[in-house]
């Protein structure tokens, strides 16, 4: 949840950095989920 009042006080550069940081976190989360599912799949295929 982003506080709109807080965002309005930020300068455009700060806002840009914040957006980049948030998108980076999302990308890391997606990469983590993909890696986890691959590991899970490898684990199940190895057992079979």
N, C-alpha and C. Protein backbone atom coordinates (compact mmCIF):
# COMPACT_ATOMS: atom_id res chain seq x y z
N UNK A 1 0.85 -1.21 0.00
CA UNK A 1 0.00 0.00 0.00
C UNK A 1 0.88 1.25 0.00
N UNK A 2 0.72 2.07 -1.02
CA UNK A 2 1.52 3.30 -1.13
C UNK A 2 0.70 4.47 -0.58
N UNK A 3 1.31 5.24 0.31
CA UNK A 3 0.67 6.43 0.87
C UNK A 3 0.75 7.54 -0.17
N UNK A 4 -0.41 7.97 -0.68
CA UNK A 4 -0.46 8.97 -1.74
C UNK A 4 0.13 10.31 -1.28
N UNK A 5 -0.19 10.73 -0.05
CA UNK A 5 0.33 11.99 0.47
C UNK A 5 1.85 11.98 0.52
N UNK A 6 2.41 10.84 0.93
CA UNK A 6 3.86 10.70 1.01
C UNK A 6 4.48 10.80 -0.40
N UNK A 7 3.82 10.14 -1.36
CA UNK A 7 4.32 10.14 -2.74
C UNK A 7 4.31 11.55 -3.33
N UNK A 8 3.27 12.33 -3.05
CA UNK A 8 3.16 13.69 -3.58
C UNK A 8 4.28 14.59 -3.07
N UNK A 9 4.80 14.32 -1.87
CA UNK A 9 5.89 15.13 -1.30
C UNK A 9 7.24 14.80 -1.94
N UNK A 10 7.35 13.64 -2.54
CA UNK A 10 8.61 13.23 -3.15
C UNK A 10 8.89 14.01 -4.43
N UNK A 11 10.18 14.23 -4.68
CA UNK A 11 10.57 14.86 -5.94
C UNK A 11 10.45 13.83 -7.06
N UNK A 12 10.36 14.27 -8.31
CA UNK A 12 10.25 13.30 -9.42
C UNK A 12 11.37 12.25 -9.42
N UNK A 13 12.58 12.66 -9.07
CA UNK A 13 13.71 11.72 -9.05
C UNK A 13 13.51 10.68 -7.95
N UNK A 14 13.10 11.13 -6.76
CA UNK A 14 12.84 10.20 -5.65
C UNK A 14 11.72 9.24 -6.02
N UNK A 15 10.70 9.77 -6.66
CA UNK A 15 9.56 8.96 -7.08
C UNK A 15 10.01 7.91 -8.08
N UNK A 16 10.85 8.31 -9.03
CA UNK A 16 11.38 7.40 -10.04
C UNK A 16 12.18 6.28 -9.37
N UNK A 17 13.02 6.64 -8.41
CA UNK A 17 13.81 5.65 -7.68
C UNK A 17 12.92 4.69 -6.91
N UNK A 18 11.84 5.23 -6.31
CA UNK A 18 10.91 4.41 -5.55
C UNK A 18 10.21 3.40 -6.45
N UNK A 19 9.79 3.87 -7.62
CA UNK A 19 9.12 2.98 -8.59
C UNK A 19 10.08 1.90 -9.06
N UNK A 20 11.33 2.28 -9.36
CA UNK A 20 12.34 1.30 -9.78
C UNK A 20 12.56 0.27 -8.69
N UNK A 21 12.64 0.72 -7.43
CA UNK A 21 12.86 -0.17 -6.30
C UNK A 21 11.70 -1.15 -6.15
N UNK A 22 10.47 -0.63 -6.26
CA UNK A 22 9.29 -1.48 -6.13
C UNK A 22 9.22 -2.51 -7.25
N UNK A 23 9.50 -2.09 -8.48
CA UNK A 23 9.46 -3.02 -9.61
C UNK A 23 10.58 -4.06 -9.48
N UNK A 24 11.73 -3.64 -8.95
CA UNK A 24 12.84 -4.57 -8.72
C UNK A 24 12.44 -5.63 -7.70
N UNK A 25 11.77 -5.21 -6.63
CA UNK A 25 11.29 -6.15 -5.62
C UNK A 25 10.33 -7.16 -6.24
N UNK A 26 9.42 -6.68 -7.10
CA UNK A 26 8.45 -7.56 -7.77
C UNK A 26 9.17 -8.57 -8.65
N UNK A 27 10.17 -8.10 -9.40
CA UNK A 27 10.94 -8.98 -10.29
C UNK A 27 11.65 -10.06 -9.45
N UNK A 28 12.27 -9.67 -8.34
CA UNK A 28 12.96 -10.61 -7.46
C UNK A 28 11.99 -11.65 -6.93
N UNK A 29 10.78 -11.22 -6.56
CA UNK A 29 9.77 -12.13 -6.05
C UNK A 29 9.35 -13.13 -7.12
N UNK A 30 9.17 -12.66 -8.35
CA UNK A 30 8.80 -13.54 -9.46
C UNK A 30 9.92 -14.55 -9.72
N UNK A 31 11.16 -14.06 -9.76
CA UNK A 31 12.32 -14.93 -9.99
C UNK A 31 12.41 -15.99 -8.90
N UNK A 32 12.19 -15.57 -7.65
CA UNK A 32 12.22 -16.49 -6.52
C UNK A 32 11.15 -17.57 -6.66
N UNK A 33 9.94 -17.16 -7.04
CA UNK A 33 8.83 -18.11 -7.20
C UNK A 33 9.13 -19.11 -8.31
N UNK A 34 9.67 -18.61 -9.44
CA UNK A 34 10.02 -19.48 -10.57
C UNK A 34 11.10 -20.48 -10.13
N UNK A 35 12.15 -19.97 -9.49
CA UNK A 35 13.24 -20.83 -9.02
C UNK A 35 12.73 -21.89 -8.06
N UNK A 36 11.84 -21.49 -7.16
CA UNK A 36 11.28 -22.41 -6.17
C UNK A 36 10.48 -23.51 -6.86
N UNK A 37 9.65 -23.13 -7.83
CA UNK A 37 8.85 -24.13 -8.54
C UNK A 37 9.73 -25.09 -9.35
N UNK A 38 10.82 -24.58 -9.94
CA UNK A 38 11.76 -25.42 -10.68
C UNK A 38 12.41 -26.43 -9.74
N UNK A 39 12.85 -25.96 -8.57
CA UNK A 39 13.48 -26.82 -7.57
C UNK A 39 12.49 -27.89 -7.10
N UNK A 40 11.23 -27.48 -6.86
CA UNK A 40 10.19 -28.42 -6.45
C UNK A 40 9.99 -29.48 -7.54
N UNK A 41 9.94 -29.06 -8.80
CA UNK A 41 9.77 -29.98 -9.92
C UNK A 41 10.95 -30.94 -10.04
N UNK A 42 12.16 -30.41 -9.87
CA UNK A 42 13.36 -31.25 -9.92
C UNK A 42 13.32 -32.28 -8.79
N UNK A 43 12.89 -31.84 -7.62
CA UNK A 43 12.80 -32.72 -6.46
C UNK A 43 11.82 -33.87 -6.70
N UNK A 44 10.66 -33.57 -7.29
CA UNK A 44 9.65 -34.61 -7.53
C UNK A 44 10.09 -35.54 -8.65
N UNK A 45 10.75 -35.02 -9.68
CA UNK A 45 11.20 -35.88 -10.78
C UNK A 45 12.37 -36.76 -10.33
N UNK A 46 13.20 -36.24 -9.44
CA UNK A 46 14.33 -37.01 -8.93
C UNK A 46 13.84 -38.20 -8.09
N UNK A 47 12.78 -37.98 -7.32
CA UNK A 47 12.21 -39.05 -6.48
C UNK A 47 11.53 -40.12 -7.32
N UNK A 48 10.90 -39.72 -8.41
CA UNK A 48 10.12 -40.65 -9.24
C UNK A 48 10.99 -41.67 -9.95
